């Protein structure tokens, strides 16, 4: 993931995006899924994925999609 962040920095997008917030939001949604609220977690992860995809943020999109696959798997 470090190389993804470096690539984003080269594109000038890392300054606009708070990766710590994305990571904490994804972690909270993973925890929600573990509590049995899978649909709510999936909805939240899809929301994060869309926001990051629209912002053309590959790193954030990858975080959300990876978590989504883990939650649904």
PDB file of N, CA and C in Angstrom:
ATOM      1  N   UNK A   1       0.821  -1.185   0.000  1.00  0.00           N
ATOM      2  CA  UNK A   1       0.000   0.000   0.000  1.00  0.00           C
ATOM      3  C   UNK A   1       0.867   1.251   0.000  1.00  0.00           C
ATOM      4  N   UNK A   2       2.053   1.165   0.515  1.00  0.00           N
ATOM      5  CA  UNK A   2       2.956   2.325   0.542  1.00  0.00           C
ATOM      6  C   UNK A   2       3.258   2.810  -0.871  1.00  0.00           C
ATOM      7  N   UNK A   3       3.441   1.892  -1.805  1.00  0.00           N
ATOM      8  CA  UNK A   3       3.721   2.317  -3.185  1.00  0.00           C
ATOM      9  C   UNK A   3       2.512   3.009  -3.790  1.00  0.00           C
ATOM     10  N   UNK A   4       1.300   2.584  -3.407  1.00  0.00           N
ATOM     11  CA  UNK A   4       0.095   3.258  -3.887  1.00  0.00           C
ATOM     12  C   UNK A   4       0.049   4.694  -3.381  1.00  0.00           C
ATOM     13  N   UNK A   5       0.410   4.889  -2.113  1.00  0.00           N
ATOM     14  CA  UNK A   5       0.405   6.243  -1.551  1.00  0.00           C
ATOM     15  C   UNK A   5       1.458   7.102  -2.237  1.00  0.00           C
ATOM     16  N   UNK A   6       2.608   6.512  -2.535  1.00  0.00           N
ATOM     17  CA  UNK A   6       3.661   7.255  -3.221  1.00  0.00           C
ATOM     18  C   UNK A   6       3.207   7.647  -4.621  1.00  0.00           C
ATOM     19  N   UNK A   7       2.510   6.750  -5.297  1.00  0.00           N
ATOM     20  CA  UNK A   7       2.003   7.061  -6.628  1.00  0.00           C
ATOM     21  C   UNK A   7       0.980   8.187  -6.563  1.00  0.00           C
ATOM     22  N   UNK A   8       0.137   8.152  -5.549  1.00  0.00           N
ATOM     23  CA  UNK A   8      -0.857   9.219  -5.383  1.00  0.00           C
ATOM     24  C   UNK A   8      -0.185  10.552  -5.102  1.00  0.00           C
ATOM     25  N   UNK A   9       0.883  10.528  -4.327  1.00  0.00           N
ATOM     26  CA  UNK A   9       1.604  11.767  -4.038  1.00  0.00           C
ATOM     27  C   UNK A   9       2.209  12.345  -5.307  1.00  0.00           C
ATOM     28  N   UNK A  10       2.701  11.483  -6.161  1.00  0.00           N
ATOM     29  CA  UNK A  10       3.273  11.966  -7.419  1.00  0.00           C
ATOM     30  C   UNK A  10       2.216  12.629  -8.283  1.00  0.00           C
ATOM     31  N   UNK A  11       0.995  12.156  -8.179  1.00  0.00           N
ATOM     32  CA  UNK A  11      -0.090  12.745  -8.967  1.00  0.00           C
ATOM     33  C   UNK A  11      -0.673  13.978  -8.286  1.00  0.00           C
ATOM     34  N   UNK A  12      -0.232  14.266  -7.061  1.00  0.00           N
ATOM     35  CA  UNK A  12      -0.715  15.440  -6.356  1.00  0.00           C
ATOM     36  C   UNK A  12      -2.060  15.254  -5.682  1.00  0.00           C
ATOM     37  N   UNK A  13      -2.534  14.020  -5.575  1.00  0.00           N
ATOM     38  CA  UNK A  13      -3.843  13.774  -4.995  1.00  0.00           C
ATOM     39  C   UNK A  13      -3.769  13.491  -3.501  1.00  0.00           C
ATOM     40  N   UNK A  14      -2.636  13.067  -2.991  1.00  0.00           N
ATOM     41  CA  UNK A  14      -2.518  12.675  -1.592  1.00  0.00           C
ATOM     42  C   UNK A  14      -2.745  13.858  -0.654  1.00  0.00           C
ATOM     43  N   UNK A  15      -2.442  15.069  -1.098  1.00  0.00           N
ATOM     44  CA  UNK A  15      -2.608  16.233  -0.247  1.00  0.00           C
ATOM     45  C   UNK A  15      -4.081  16.533   0.010  1.00  0.00           C
ATOM     46  N   UNK A  16      -4.953  16.114  -0.881  1.00  0.00           N
ATOM     47  CA  UNK A  16      -6.366  16.427  -0.771  1.00  0.00           C
ATOM     48  C   UNK A  16      -7.135  15.392   0.036  1.00  0.00           C
ATOM     49  N   UNK A  17      -6.569  14.228   0.248  1.00  0.00           N
ATOM     50  CA  UNK A  17      -7.299  13.105   0.813  1.00  0.00           C
ATOM     51  C   UNK A  17      -6.726  12.721   2.170  1.00  0.00           C
ATOM     52  N   UNK A  18      -7.609  12.543   3.131  1.00  0.00           N
ATOM     53  CA  UNK A  18      -7.220  12.158   4.491  1.00  0.00           C
ATOM     54  C   UNK A  18      -7.302  10.637   4.612  1.00  0.00           C
ATOM     55  N   UNK A  19      -6.168   9.979   4.393  1.00  0.00           N
ATOM     56  CA  UNK A  19      -6.148   8.512   4.415  1.00  0.00           C
ATOM     57  C   UNK A  19      -6.404   7.958   5.816  1.00  0.00           C
ATOM     58  N   UNK A  20      -6.035   8.687   6.838  1.00  0.00           N
ATOM     59  CA  UNK A  20      -6.297   8.224   8.206  1.00  0.00           C
ATOM     60  C   UNK A  20      -7.800   8.117   8.449  1.00  0.00           C
ATOM     61  N   UNK A  21      -8.563   9.079   7.937  1.00  0.00           N
ATOM     62  CA  UNK A  21     -10.016   9.039   8.095  1.00  0.00           C
ATOM     63  C   UNK A  21     -10.610   7.885   7.311  1.00  0.00           C
ATOM     64  N   UNK A  22     -10.131   7.665   6.110  1.00  0.00           N
ATOM     65  CA  UNK A  22     -10.637   6.557   5.307  1.00  0.00           C
ATOM     66  C   UNK A  22     -10.346   5.234   6.017  1.00  0.00           C
ATOM     67  N   UNK A  23      -9.125   5.076   6.510  1.00  0.00           N
ATOM     68  CA  UNK A  23      -8.760   3.842   7.211  1.00  0.00           C
ATOM     69  C   UNK A  23      -9.621   3.632   8.449  1.00  0.00           C
ATOM     70  N   UNK A  24      -9.880   4.690   9.205  1.00  0.00           N
ATOM     71  CA  UNK A  24     -10.697   4.538  10.418  1.00  0.00           C
ATOM     72  C   UNK A  24     -12.151   4.236  10.061  1.00  0.00           C
ATOM     73  N   UNK A  25     -12.667   4.856   9.001  1.00  0.00           N
ATOM     74  CA  UNK A  25     -14.037   4.573   8.565  1.00  0.00           C
ATOM     75  C   UNK A  25     -14.168   3.122   8.101  1.00  0.00           C
ATOM     76  N   UNK A  26     -13.195   2.663   7.337  1.00  0.00           N
ATOM     77  CA  UNK A  26     -13.208   1.278   6.847  1.00  0.00           C
ATOM     78  C   UNK A  26     -13.118   0.305   8.025  1.00  0.00           C
ATOM     79  N   UNK A  27     -12.262   0.601   8.992  1.00  0.00           N
ATOM     80  CA  UNK A  27     -12.129  -0.261  10.168  1.00  0.00           C
ATOM     81  C   UNK A  27     -13.441  -0.314  10.957  1.00  0.00           C
ATOM     82  N   UNK A  28     -14.097   0.812  11.104  1.00  0.00           N
ATOM     83  CA  UNK A  28     -15.373   0.855  11.818  1.00  0.00           C
ATOM     84  C   UNK A  28     -16.430   0.031  11.091  1.00  0.00           C
ATOM     85  N   UNK A  29     -16.430   0.094   9.769  1.00  0.00           N
ATOM     86  CA  UNK A  29     -17.403  -0.678   8.998  1.00  0.00           C
ATOM     87  C   UNK A  29     -17.090  -2.169   9.036  1.00  0.00           C
ATOM     88  N   UNK A  30     -15.817  -2.528   9.075  1.00  0.00           N
ATOM     89  CA  UNK A  30     -15.457  -3.945   9.239  1.00  0.00           C
ATOM     90  C   UNK A  30     -15.965  -4.458  10.590  1.00  0.00           C
ATOM     91  N   UNK A  31     -15.817  -3.648  11.623  1.00  0.00           N
ATOM     92  CA  UNK A  31     -16.286  -4.027  12.953  1.00  0.00           C
ATOM     93  C   UNK A  31     -17.806  -4.180  12.955  1.00  0.00           C
ATOM     94  N   UNK A  32     -18.486  -3.306  12.254  1.00  0.00           N
ATOM     95  CA  UNK A  32     -19.937  -3.385  12.147  1.00  0.00           C
ATOM     96  C   UNK A  32     -20.348  -4.704  11.498  1.00  0.00           C
ATOM     97  N   UNK A  33     -19.623  -5.109  10.479  1.00  0.00           N
ATOM     98  CA  UNK A  33     -19.919  -6.381   9.812  1.00  0.00           C
ATOM     99  C   UNK A  33     -19.702  -7.551  10.757  1.00  0.00           C
ATOM    100  N   UNK A  34     -18.667  -7.482  11.578  1.00  0.00           N
ATOM    101  CA  UNK A  34     -18.399  -8.555  12.549  1.00  0.00           C
ATOM    102  C   UNK A  34     -19.509  -8.675  13.584  1.00  0.00           C
ATOM    103  N   UNK A  35     -20.219  -7.579  13.809  1.00  0.00           N
ATOM    104  CA  UNK A  35     -21.332  -7.569  14.759  1.00  0.00           C
ATOM    105  C   UNK A  35     -22.619  -8.099  14.127  1.00  0.00           C
ATOM    106  N   UNK A  36     -22.525  -8.521  12.863  1.00  0.00           N
ATOM    107  CA  UNK A  36     -23.689  -9.087  12.185  1.00  0.00           C
ATOM    108  C   UNK A  36     -24.474  -8.093  11.348  1.00  0.00           C
ATOM    109  N   UNK A  37     -24.026  -6.870  11.279  1.00  0.00           N
ATOM    110  CA  UNK A  37     -24.723  -5.843  10.492  1.00  0.00           C
ATOM    111  C   UNK A  37     -24.031  -5.701   9.144  1.00  0.00           C
ATOM    112  N   UNK A  38     -24.043  -6.797   8.407  1.00  0.00           N
ATOM    113  CA  UNK A  38     -23.308  -6.865   7.145  1.00  0.00           C
ATOM    114  C   UNK A  38     -23.835  -5.880   6.113  1.00  0.00           C
ATOM    115  N   UNK A  39     -25.149  -5.782   5.977  1.00  0.00           N
ATOM    116  CA  UNK A  39     -25.712  -4.901   4.951  1.00  0.00           C
ATOM    117  C   UNK A  39     -25.353  -3.441   5.206  1.00  0.00           C
ATOM    118  N   UNK A  40     -25.392  -3.024   6.444  1.00  0.00           N
ATOM    119  CA  UNK A  40     -25.018  -1.647   6.774  1.00  0.00           C
ATOM    120  C   UNK A  40     -23.546  -1.400   6.453  1.00  0.00           C
ATOM    121  N   UNK A  41     -22.706  -2.394   6.747  1.00  0.00           N
ATOM    122  CA  UNK A  41     -21.279  -2.278   6.450  1.00  0.00           C
ATOM    123  C   UNK A  41     -21.044  -2.202   4.944  1.00  0.00           C
ATOM    124  N   UNK A  42     -21.737  -3.036   4.201  1.00  0.00           N
ATOM    125  CA  UNK A  42     -21.593  -3.032   2.740  1.00  0.00           C
ATOM    126  C   UNK A  42     -22.031  -1.683   2.178  1.00  0.00           C
ATOM    127  N   UNK A  43     -23.153  -1.174   2.646  1.00  0.00           N
ATOM    128  CA  UNK A  43     -23.637   0.133   2.170  1.00  0.00           C
ATOM    129  C   UNK A  43     -22.611   1.234   2.451  1.00  0.00           C
ATOM    130  N   UNK A  44     -22.045   1.221   3.641  1.00  0.00           N
ATOM    131  CA  UNK A  44     -21.042   2.224   3.995  1.00  0.00           C
ATOM    132  C   UNK A  44     -19.783   2.103   3.155  1.00  0.00           C
ATOM    133  N   UNK A  45     -19.337   0.872   2.935  1.00  0.00           N
ATOM    134  CA  UNK A  45     -18.136   0.664   2.120  1.00  0.00           C
ATOM    135  C   UNK A  45     -18.374   1.063   0.665  1.00  0.00           C
ATOM    136  N   UNK A  46     -19.562   0.783   0.160  1.00  0.00           N
ATOM    137  CA  UNK A  46     -19.873   1.209  -1.211  1.00  0.00           C
ATOM    138  C   UNK A  46     -19.901   2.730  -1.319  1.00  0.00           C
ATOM    139  N   UNK A  47     -20.363   3.389  -0.282  1.00  0.00           N
ATOM    140  CA  UNK A  47     -20.368   4.849  -0.263  1.00  0.00           C
ATOM    141  C   UNK A  47     -18.938   5.398  -0.292  1.00  0.00           C
ATOM    142  N   UNK A  48     -18.059   4.823   0.537  1.00  0.00           N
ATOM    143  CA  UNK A  48     -16.653   5.248   0.541  1.00  0.00           C
ATOM    144  C   UNK A  48     -16.016   4.976  -0.819  1.00  0.00           C
ATOM    145  N   UNK A  49     -16.289   3.798  -1.367  1.00  0.00           N
ATOM    146  CA  UNK A  49     -15.716   3.437  -2.676  1.00  0.00           C
ATOM    147  C   UNK A  49     -16.114   4.456  -3.737  1.00  0.00           C
ATOM    148  N   UNK A  50     -17.391   4.828  -3.761  1.00  0.00           N
ATOM    149  CA  UNK A  50     -17.858   5.775  -4.774  1.00  0.00           C
ATOM    150  C   UNK A  50     -17.210   7.147  -4.599  1.00  0.00           C
ATOM    151  N   UNK A  51     -17.130   7.606  -3.352  1.00  0.00           N
ATOM    152  CA  UNK A  51     -16.509   8.909  -3.098  1.00  0.00           C
ATOM    153  C   UNK A  51     -15.062   8.927  -3.581  1.00  0.00           C
ATOM    154  N   UNK A  52     -14.332   7.867  -3.297  1.00  0.00           N
ATOM    155  CA  UNK A  52     -12.923   7.824  -3.675  1.00  0.00           C
ATOM    156  C   UNK A  52     -12.750   7.628  -5.181  1.00  0.00           C
ATOM    157  N   UNK A  53     -13.631   6.837  -5.773  1.00  0.00           N
ATOM    158  CA  UNK A  53     -13.562   6.630  -7.221  1.00  0.00           C
ATOM    159  C   UNK A  53     -13.837   7.928  -7.964  1.00  0.00           C
ATOM    160  N   UNK A  54     -14.853   8.663  -7.528  1.00  0.00           N
ATOM    161  CA  UNK A  54     -15.188   9.942  -8.156  1.00  0.00           C
ATOM    162  C   UNK A  54     -14.048  10.941  -7.981  1.00  0.00           C
ATOM    163  N   UNK A  55     -13.358  10.868  -6.833  1.00  0.00           N
ATOM    164  CA  UNK A  55     -12.219  11.748  -6.569  1.00  0.00           C
ATOM    165  C   UNK A  55     -10.952  11.268  -7.289  1.00  0.00           C
ATOM    166  N   UNK A  56     -11.069  10.162  -8.020  1.00  0.00           N
ATOM    167  CA  UNK A  56      -9.941   9.558  -8.745  1.00  0.00           C
ATOM    168  C   UNK A  56      -8.809   9.166  -7.800  1.00  0.00           C
ATOM    169  N   UNK A  57      -9.201   8.688  -6.621  1.00  0.00           N
ATOM    170  CA  UNK A  57      -8.239   8.267  -5.607  1.00  0.00           C
ATOM    171  C   UNK A  57      -8.130   6.748  -5.627  1.00  0.00           C
ATOM    172  N   UNK A  58      -7.068   6.253  -6.223  1.00  0.00           N
ATOM    173  CA  UNK A  58      -6.869   4.812  -6.368  1.00  0.00           C
ATOM    174  C   UNK A  58      -6.651   4.159  -5.005  1.00  0.00           C
ATOM    175  N   UNK A  59      -5.896   4.790  -4.144  1.00  0.00           N
ATOM    176  CA  UNK A  59      -5.566   4.207  -2.840  1.00  0.00           C
ATOM    177  C   UNK A  59      -6.830   4.034  -1.994  1.00  0.00           C
ATOM    178  N   UNK A  60      -7.621   5.067  -1.888  1.00  0.00           N
ATOM    179  CA  UNK A  60      -8.854   4.991  -1.102  1.00  0.00           C
ATOM    180  C   UNK A  60      -9.856   4.019  -1.690  1.00  0.00           C
ATOM    181  N   UNK A  61      -9.955   3.999  -3.019  1.00  0.00           N
ATOM    182  CA  UNK A  61     -10.848   3.061  -3.685  1.00  0.00           C
ATOM    183  C   UNK A  61     -10.420   1.631  -3.400  1.00  0.00           C
ATOM    184  N   UNK A  62      -9.114   1.400  -3.453  1.00  0.00           N
ATOM    185  CA  UNK A  62      -8.583   0.057  -3.182  1.00  0.00           C
ATOM    186  C   UNK A  62      -8.873  -0.366  -1.745  1.00  0.00           C
ATOM    187  N   UNK A  63      -8.729   0.549  -0.798  1.00  0.00           N
ATOM    188  CA  UNK A  63      -9.025   0.234   0.609  1.00  0.00           C
ATOM    189  C   UNK A  63     -10.481  -0.204   0.761  1.00  0.00           C
ATOM    190  N   UNK A  64     -11.377   0.562   0.181  1.00  0.00           N
ATOM    191  CA  UNK A  64     -12.813   0.272   0.311  1.00  0.00           C
ATOM    192  C   UNK A  64     -13.179  -1.035  -0.379  1.00  0.00           C
ATOM    193  N   UNK A  65     -12.655  -1.246  -1.565  1.00  0.00           N
ATOM    194  CA  UNK A  65     -12.980  -2.470  -2.316  1.00  0.00           C
ATOM    195  C   UNK A  65     -12.413  -3.714  -1.625  1.00  0.00           C
ATOM    196  N   UNK A  66     -11.212  -3.617  -1.109  1.00  0.00           N
ATOM    197  CA  UNK A  66     -10.627  -4.748  -0.400  1.00  0.00           C
ATOM    198  C   UNK A  66     -11.453  -5.097   0.831  1.00  0.00           C
ATOM    199  N   UNK A  67     -11.858  -4.097   1.579  1.00  0.00           N
ATOM    200  CA  UNK A  67     -12.684  -4.337   2.766  1.00  0.00           C
ATOM    201  C   UNK A  67     -14.040  -4.915   2.371  1.00  0.00           C
ATOM    202  N   UNK A  68     -14.590  -4.430   1.276  1.00  0.00           N
ATOM    203  CA  UNK A  68     -15.872  -4.931   0.806  1.00  0.00           C
ATOM    204  C   UNK A  68     -15.793  -6.417   0.473  1.00  0.00           C
ATOM    205  N   UNK A  69     -14.736  -6.814  -0.196  1.00  0.00           N
ATOM    206  CA  UNK A  69     -14.555  -8.223  -0.535  1.00  0.00           C
ATOM    207  C   UNK A  69     -14.366  -9.082   0.717  1.00  0.00           C
ATOM    208  N   UNK A  70     -13.654  -8.552   1.691  1.00  0.00           N
ATOM    209  CA  UNK A  70     -13.443  -9.288   2.941  1.00  0.00           C
ATOM    210  C   UNK A  70     -14.751  -9.446   3.722  1.00  0.00           C
ATOM    211  N   UNK A  71     -15.565  -8.393   3.736  1.00  0.00           N
ATOM    212  CA  UNK A  71     -16.833  -8.431   4.462  1.00  0.00           C
ATOM    213  C   UNK A  71     -17.804  -9.409   3.804  1.00  0.00           C
ATOM    214  N   UNK A  72     -17.838  -9.406   2.500  1.00  0.00           N
ATOM    215  CA  UNK A  72     -18.767 -10.278   1.773  1.00  0.00           C
ATOM    216  C   UNK A  72     -18.258 -11.696   1.619  1.00  0.00           C
ATOM    217  N   UNK A  73     -16.959 -11.912   1.877  1.00  0.00           N
ATOM    218  CA  UNK A  73     -16.344 -13.219   1.660  1.00  0.00           C
ATOM    219  C   UNK A  73     -16.589 -14.184   2.708  1.00  0.00           C
TER     220      UNK A  73
END
